[in-house]
């Protein structure tokens, strides 16, 4: 299961980076938050605290960006 999640999440993060480099804001945030959420799930499945902390903080930052773009 984690293999599929990590690869799908990695593809989403690459898409988010492409959108960011093309300055497609705020739509770049949506695949980024999904990709980071996937890696957060992988970190939880692997019991890897570094992945959990990094991706939980990243999800929060991206969600804040989405909230700010909507308001």
N, C-alpha and C. Protein backbone atom coordinates (compact mmCIF):
# COMPACT_ATOMS: atom_id res chain seq x y z
N UNK A 1 0.82 -1.21 0.00
CA UNK A 1 0.00 0.00 0.00
C UNK A 1 0.86 1.26 0.00
N UNK A 2 1.88 1.28 0.84
CA UNK A 2 2.70 2.49 0.94
C UNK A 2 3.43 2.79 -0.37
N UNK A 3 3.76 1.73 -1.14
CA UNK A 3 4.44 1.94 -2.43
C UNK A 3 3.58 2.77 -3.37
N UNK A 4 2.28 2.43 -3.46
CA UNK A 4 1.37 3.15 -4.34
C UNK A 4 1.15 4.58 -3.86
N UNK A 5 0.99 4.75 -2.55
CA UNK A 5 0.76 6.08 -2.00
C UNK A 5 1.97 6.97 -2.23
N UNK A 6 3.17 6.46 -1.98
CA UNK A 6 4.36 7.30 -2.13
C UNK A 6 4.59 7.70 -3.57
N UNK A 7 4.32 6.81 -4.53
CA UNK A 7 4.53 7.17 -5.93
C UNK A 7 3.46 8.13 -6.42
N UNK A 8 2.22 7.91 -6.06
CA UNK A 8 1.15 8.84 -6.44
C UNK A 8 1.41 10.22 -5.82
N UNK A 9 1.84 10.23 -4.57
CA UNK A 9 2.14 11.49 -3.90
C UNK A 9 3.32 12.19 -4.54
N UNK A 10 4.31 11.44 -4.94
CA UNK A 10 5.48 12.04 -5.60
C UNK A 10 5.09 12.67 -6.93
N UNK A 11 4.22 11.99 -7.68
CA UNK A 11 3.74 12.56 -8.95
C UNK A 11 2.96 13.84 -8.69
N UNK A 12 2.12 13.84 -7.68
CA UNK A 12 1.37 15.05 -7.33
C UNK A 12 2.31 16.19 -6.95
N UNK A 13 3.35 15.90 -6.22
CA UNK A 13 4.30 16.94 -5.83
C UNK A 13 5.07 17.48 -7.04
N UNK A 14 5.38 16.62 -7.99
CA UNK A 14 6.04 17.08 -9.22
C UNK A 14 5.09 18.00 -10.00
N UNK A 15 3.83 17.62 -10.08
CA UNK A 15 2.83 18.48 -10.74
C UNK A 15 2.75 19.83 -10.04
N UNK A 16 2.73 19.81 -8.71
CA UNK A 16 2.69 21.05 -7.93
C UNK A 16 3.92 21.93 -8.21
N UNK A 17 5.08 21.31 -8.34
CA UNK A 17 6.29 22.08 -8.65
C UNK A 17 6.23 22.67 -10.04
N UNK A 18 5.71 21.92 -11.00
CA UNK A 18 5.56 22.45 -12.36
C UNK A 18 4.60 23.64 -12.36
N UNK A 19 3.48 23.51 -11.66
CA UNK A 19 2.53 24.61 -11.58
C UNK A 19 3.13 25.82 -10.87
N UNK A 20 3.94 25.58 -9.85
CA UNK A 20 4.59 26.67 -9.15
C UNK A 20 5.57 27.39 -10.07
N UNK A 21 6.35 26.64 -10.83
CA UNK A 21 7.31 27.26 -11.73
C UNK A 21 6.62 28.02 -12.86
N UNK A 22 5.39 27.62 -13.20
CA UNK A 22 4.60 28.32 -14.21
C UNK A 22 3.78 29.44 -13.59
N UNK A 23 3.95 29.66 -12.29
CA UNK A 23 3.26 30.73 -11.54
C UNK A 23 1.74 30.59 -11.63
N UNK A 24 1.27 29.36 -11.47
CA UNK A 24 -0.17 29.08 -11.49
C UNK A 24 -0.63 28.98 -10.04
N UNK A 25 -0.88 30.17 -9.48
CA UNK A 25 -1.25 30.25 -8.07
C UNK A 25 -2.73 30.57 -7.98
N UNK A 26 -3.53 30.01 -7.15
CA UNK A 26 -3.27 29.10 -6.04
C UNK A 26 -3.43 27.63 -6.42
N UNK A 27 -3.64 27.35 -7.71
CA UNK A 27 -3.91 25.96 -8.11
C UNK A 27 -2.72 25.03 -7.88
N UNK A 28 -1.55 25.60 -7.72
CA UNK A 28 -0.38 24.77 -7.41
C UNK A 28 -0.47 24.19 -5.99
N UNK A 29 -1.25 24.82 -5.13
CA UNK A 29 -1.34 24.38 -3.75
C UNK A 29 -2.14 23.10 -3.58
N UNK A 30 -3.10 22.86 -4.47
CA UNK A 30 -3.98 21.70 -4.31
C UNK A 30 -3.25 20.37 -4.50
N UNK A 31 -2.50 20.19 -5.60
CA UNK A 31 -1.75 18.93 -5.69
C UNK A 31 -0.65 18.84 -4.64
N UNK A 32 -0.13 20.00 -4.21
CA UNK A 32 0.91 19.99 -3.18
C UNK A 32 0.36 19.47 -1.86
N UNK A 33 -0.81 19.94 -1.46
CA UNK A 33 -1.37 19.48 -0.18
C UNK A 33 -1.77 18.01 -0.26
N UNK A 34 -2.23 17.56 -1.43
CA UNK A 34 -2.55 16.14 -1.59
C UNK A 34 -1.29 15.28 -1.54
N UNK A 35 -0.24 15.74 -2.21
CA UNK A 35 1.02 15.00 -2.21
C UNK A 35 1.65 14.93 -0.83
N UNK A 36 1.64 16.04 -0.13
CA UNK A 36 2.19 16.05 1.22
C UNK A 36 1.35 15.20 2.17
N UNK A 37 0.04 15.21 1.96
CA UNK A 37 -0.83 14.36 2.79
C UNK A 37 -0.53 12.89 2.55
N UNK A 38 -0.29 12.55 1.29
CA UNK A 38 0.08 11.16 0.99
C UNK A 38 1.36 10.76 1.66
N UNK A 39 2.36 11.65 1.61
CA UNK A 39 3.62 11.33 2.28
C UNK A 39 3.46 11.30 3.80
N UNK A 40 2.52 12.09 4.33
CA UNK A 40 2.23 12.01 5.76
C UNK A 40 1.67 10.63 6.11
N UNK A 41 0.78 10.12 5.26
CA UNK A 41 0.24 8.77 5.48
C UNK A 41 1.34 7.73 5.40
N UNK A 42 2.25 7.87 4.44
CA UNK A 42 3.38 6.94 4.33
C UNK A 42 4.23 6.99 5.59
N UNK A 43 4.50 8.20 6.09
CA UNK A 43 5.26 8.34 7.32
C UNK A 43 4.58 7.64 8.49
N UNK A 44 3.25 7.75 8.55
CA UNK A 44 2.52 7.07 9.62
C UNK A 44 2.59 5.54 9.45
N UNK A 45 2.47 5.07 8.20
CA UNK A 45 2.56 3.63 7.96
C UNK A 45 3.94 3.08 8.30
N UNK A 46 4.98 3.88 8.04
CA UNK A 46 6.35 3.45 8.29
C UNK A 46 6.82 3.77 9.72
N UNK A 47 6.00 4.48 10.49
CA UNK A 47 6.39 4.93 11.84
C UNK A 47 7.67 5.76 11.78
N UNK A 48 7.77 6.62 10.76
CA UNK A 48 8.95 7.46 10.56
C UNK A 48 8.63 8.87 11.04
N UNK A 49 9.16 9.22 12.21
CA UNK A 49 8.84 10.50 12.83
C UNK A 49 9.28 11.69 11.99
N UNK A 50 10.40 11.58 11.31
CA UNK A 50 10.88 12.69 10.49
C UNK A 50 9.89 12.98 9.35
N UNK A 51 9.41 11.93 8.68
CA UNK A 51 8.42 12.12 7.61
C UNK A 51 7.11 12.67 8.17
N UNK A 52 6.72 12.19 9.33
CA UNK A 52 5.47 12.65 9.93
C UNK A 52 5.55 14.14 10.25
N UNK A 53 6.61 14.55 10.92
CA UNK A 53 6.75 15.96 11.32
C UNK A 53 6.85 16.86 10.10
N UNK A 54 7.73 16.53 9.16
CA UNK A 54 7.94 17.35 7.98
C UNK A 54 6.65 17.51 7.18
N UNK A 55 5.96 16.42 6.94
CA UNK A 55 4.78 16.48 6.09
C UNK A 55 3.56 17.03 6.81
N UNK A 56 3.44 16.83 8.11
CA UNK A 56 2.34 17.44 8.86
C UNK A 56 2.47 18.96 8.83
N UNK A 57 3.68 19.46 9.02
CA UNK A 57 3.92 20.91 8.96
C UNK A 57 3.68 21.42 7.55
N UNK A 58 4.12 20.68 6.55
CA UNK A 58 3.92 21.08 5.15
C UNK A 58 2.44 21.14 4.80
N UNK A 59 1.67 20.15 5.22
CA UNK A 59 0.22 20.16 4.96
C UNK A 59 -0.41 21.38 5.61
N UNK A 60 -0.03 21.69 6.83
CA UNK A 60 -0.59 22.85 7.52
C UNK A 60 -0.25 24.14 6.78
N UNK A 61 0.98 24.28 6.30
CA UNK A 61 1.40 25.48 5.57
C UNK A 61 0.63 25.60 4.26
N UNK A 62 0.53 24.51 3.51
CA UNK A 62 -0.21 24.56 2.25
C UNK A 62 -1.69 24.83 2.46
N UNK A 63 -2.29 24.24 3.51
CA UNK A 63 -3.69 24.52 3.81
C UNK A 63 -3.90 25.98 4.17
N UNK A 64 -2.95 26.56 4.90
CA UNK A 64 -3.02 27.98 5.23
C UNK A 64 -2.99 28.82 3.95
N UNK A 65 -2.13 28.42 3.00
CA UNK A 65 -2.08 29.12 1.72
C UNK A 65 -3.39 29.03 0.97
N UNK A 66 -4.02 27.84 1.00
CA UNK A 66 -5.32 27.67 0.33
C UNK A 66 -6.37 28.54 1.01
N UNK A 67 -6.39 28.53 2.33
CA UNK A 67 -7.37 29.34 3.07
C UNK A 67 -7.17 30.82 2.76
N UNK A 68 -5.92 31.27 2.74
CA UNK A 68 -5.64 32.68 2.42
C UNK A 68 -6.05 33.04 1.01
N UNK A 69 -5.93 32.12 0.07
CA UNK A 69 -6.31 32.42 -1.31
C UNK A 69 -7.83 32.48 -1.48
N UNK A 70 -8.55 31.74 -0.65
CA UNK A 70 -10.01 31.74 -0.73
C UNK A 70 -10.60 32.98 -0.08
N UNK A 71 -9.99 33.43 1.00
CA UNK A 71 -10.53 34.59 1.74
C UNK A 71 -10.20 35.88 1.08
